[in-house]
Amino acid sequence: NGVLRMMRDEAARVRARPDIRDGERVRLLRDKYQAVIIPVDQALQTARRALQQSGDTPHGRDMEAQFGGGLDAAMAAFRDPKDLFNCHHAWDPMRTVMRNLNRQLRVSTLPIASLSPYL
């Protein structure tokens, strides 16, 4: 992933500068991280809203119940990584959600009644 590679390079560059205090290093990395995740975060917010609005059908309610909480937790971890020098770990919960979602989509067959209460 280009964003992760860029953040690893930036962390190495900031870490290698002896003239920057530790607090300033963290601030610089946090600012850079926040700037580069804006498009990804906006896309995640759009996907989350779509999941929330899918509750009109039984399948939509099941998807929200199954994935909503995990997605919210993954988005929180993504937005505020515990370690900015290893921020790639902040993406791990999102990878877990995506693996679970992909697994669900591969095995899922839906009866028509799950798609629409009117059918």
Protein backbone atom coordinates (compact mmCIF):
# COMPACT_ATOMS: atom_id res chain seq x y z
CA ASN A 1 0.00 0.00 0.00
CA GLY A 2 1.42 3.37 -1.01
CA VAL A 3 0.09 5.22 2.03
CA LEU A 4 1.67 2.77 4.43
CA ARG A 5 4.98 2.84 2.57
CA MET A 6 4.93 6.64 2.61
CA MET A 7 4.24 6.67 6.37
CA ARG A 8 7.06 4.17 7.03
CA ASP A 9 9.44 6.35 5.03
CA GLU A 10 8.25 9.48 6.84
CA ALA A 11 8.66 7.80 10.25
CA ALA A 12 12.22 6.77 9.36
CA ARG A 13 13.01 10.28 8.14
CA VAL A 14 11.62 11.94 11.28
CA ARG A 15 13.28 9.39 13.58
CA ALA A 16 16.66 10.01 11.92
CA ARG A 17 16.59 13.76 12.63
CA PRO A 18 18.48 14.37 15.87
CA ASP A 19 17.44 18.03 15.97
CA ILE A 20 13.76 17.19 16.60
CA ARG A 21 12.49 16.48 20.12
CA ASP A 22 10.35 13.36 20.70
CA GLY A 23 7.14 15.34 21.24
CA GLU A 24 7.72 17.22 18.00
CA ARG A 25 8.38 13.95 16.16
CA VAL A 26 5.04 12.58 17.27
CA ARG A 27 3.26 15.81 16.30
CA LEU A 28 4.87 15.82 12.85
CA LEU A 29 3.92 12.20 12.21
CA ARG A 30 0.37 12.70 13.52
CA ASP A 31 -0.12 15.70 11.21
CA LYS A 32 1.20 13.76 8.23
CA TYR A 33 -0.91 10.68 9.06
CA GLN A 34 -4.06 12.76 9.46
CA ALA A 35 -3.42 14.42 6.10
CA VAL A 36 -2.87 11.20 4.16
CA ILE A 37 -5.81 9.29 5.61
CA ILE A 38 -8.42 11.92 4.75
CA PRO A 39 -9.52 10.29 1.46
CA VAL A 40 -9.53 6.80 2.99
CA ASP A 41 -11.45 8.00 6.03
CA GLN A 42 -14.04 9.72 3.84
CA ALA A 43 -14.55 6.52 1.85
CA LEU A 44 -14.91 4.53 5.07
CA GLN A 45 -17.48 7.00 6.39
CA THR A 46 -19.46 6.67 3.17
CA ALA A 47 -19.39 2.87 3.43
CA ARG A 48 -20.42 3.04 7.08
CA ARG A 49 -23.39 5.30 6.28
CA ALA A 50 -24.46 2.90 3.53
CA LEU A 51 -24.30 0.00 5.98
CA GLN A 52 -26.36 1.94 8.52
CA GLN A 53 -28.97 2.81 5.90
CA SER A 54 -29.27 -0.78 4.71
CA GLY A 55 -31.48 -1.65 7.69
CA ASP A 56 -34.65 -1.57 5.58
CA THR A 57 -34.36 -5.29 4.85
CA PRO A 58 -33.73 -8.30 7.08
CA HIS A 59 -30.39 -8.85 5.32
CA GLY A 60 -29.41 -5.22 5.85
CA ARG A 61 -30.22 -5.47 9.56
CA ASP A 62 -28.18 -8.68 9.81
CA MET A 63 -25.22 -7.06 8.05
CA GLU A 64 -25.39 -4.04 10.37
CA ALA A 65 -25.56 -6.29 13.43
CA GLN A 66 -22.73 -8.51 12.22
CA PHE A 67 -20.30 -5.88 10.91
CA GLY A 68 -21.33 -2.47 12.26
CA GLY A 69 -19.56 -2.67 15.62
CA GLY A 70 -16.39 -4.15 14.16
CA LEU A 71 -16.28 -1.52 11.47
CA ASP A 72 -16.75 1.27 14.01
CA ALA A 73 -13.92 -0.11 16.18
CA ALA A 74 -11.66 -0.55 13.13
CA MET A 75 -12.35 3.01 12.00
CA ALA A 76 -11.51 4.35 15.47
CA ALA A 77 -8.21 2.42 15.51
CA PHE A 78 -7.44 3.61 11.99
CA ARG A 79 -8.08 7.28 12.84
CA ASP A 80 -5.97 7.27 15.99
CA PRO A 81 -3.10 4.78 15.83
CA LYS A 82 -1.46 3.88 19.14
CA ASP A 83 2.04 4.04 17.65
CA LEU A 84 2.60 6.50 14.83
CA PHE A 85 6.05 5.06 14.14
CA ASN A 86 4.34 1.73 13.36
CA CYS A 87 1.02 3.07 12.10
CA HIS A 88 0.55 0.12 9.75
CA HIS A 89 -0.80 -1.76 12.79
CA ALA A 90 -3.73 0.68 12.88
CA TRP A 91 -4.96 -0.94 9.65
CA ASP A 92 -5.03 -4.48 11.10
CA PRO A 93 -8.59 -4.24 12.54
CA MET A 94 -9.81 -3.01 9.15
CA ARG A 95 -8.15 -5.97 7.43
CA THR A 96 -9.97 -8.28 9.85
CA VAL A 97 -13.32 -6.66 9.06
CA MET A 98 -12.64 -6.95 5.33
CA ARG A 99 -11.65 -10.63 5.61
CA ASN A 100 -14.84 -11.38 7.56
CA LEU A 101 -16.95 -9.42 5.11
CA ASN A 102 -15.37 -11.16 2.11
CA ARG A 103 -15.92 -14.54 3.75
CA GLN A 104 -19.59 -13.67 4.35
CA LEU A 105 -20.06 -12.48 0.77
CA ARG A 106 -18.51 -15.67 -0.67
CA VAL A 107 -20.78 -18.06 1.21
CA SER A 108 -23.93 -16.02 1.34
CA THR A 109 -27.03 -17.04 -0.54
CA LEU A 110 -30.06 -14.99 0.29
CA PRO A 111 -33.70 -15.89 0.07
CA ILE A 112 -35.75 -13.18 -1.63
CA ALA A 113 -37.60 -12.43 1.62
CA SER A 114 -34.28 -11.32 3.14
CA LEU A 115 -33.75 -8.79 0.41
CA SER A 116 -37.15 -7.18 0.51
CA PRO A 117 -40.03 -7.55 2.94
CA TYR A 118 -42.40 -7.00 0.00
CA LEU A 119 -41.27 -10.01 -2.04
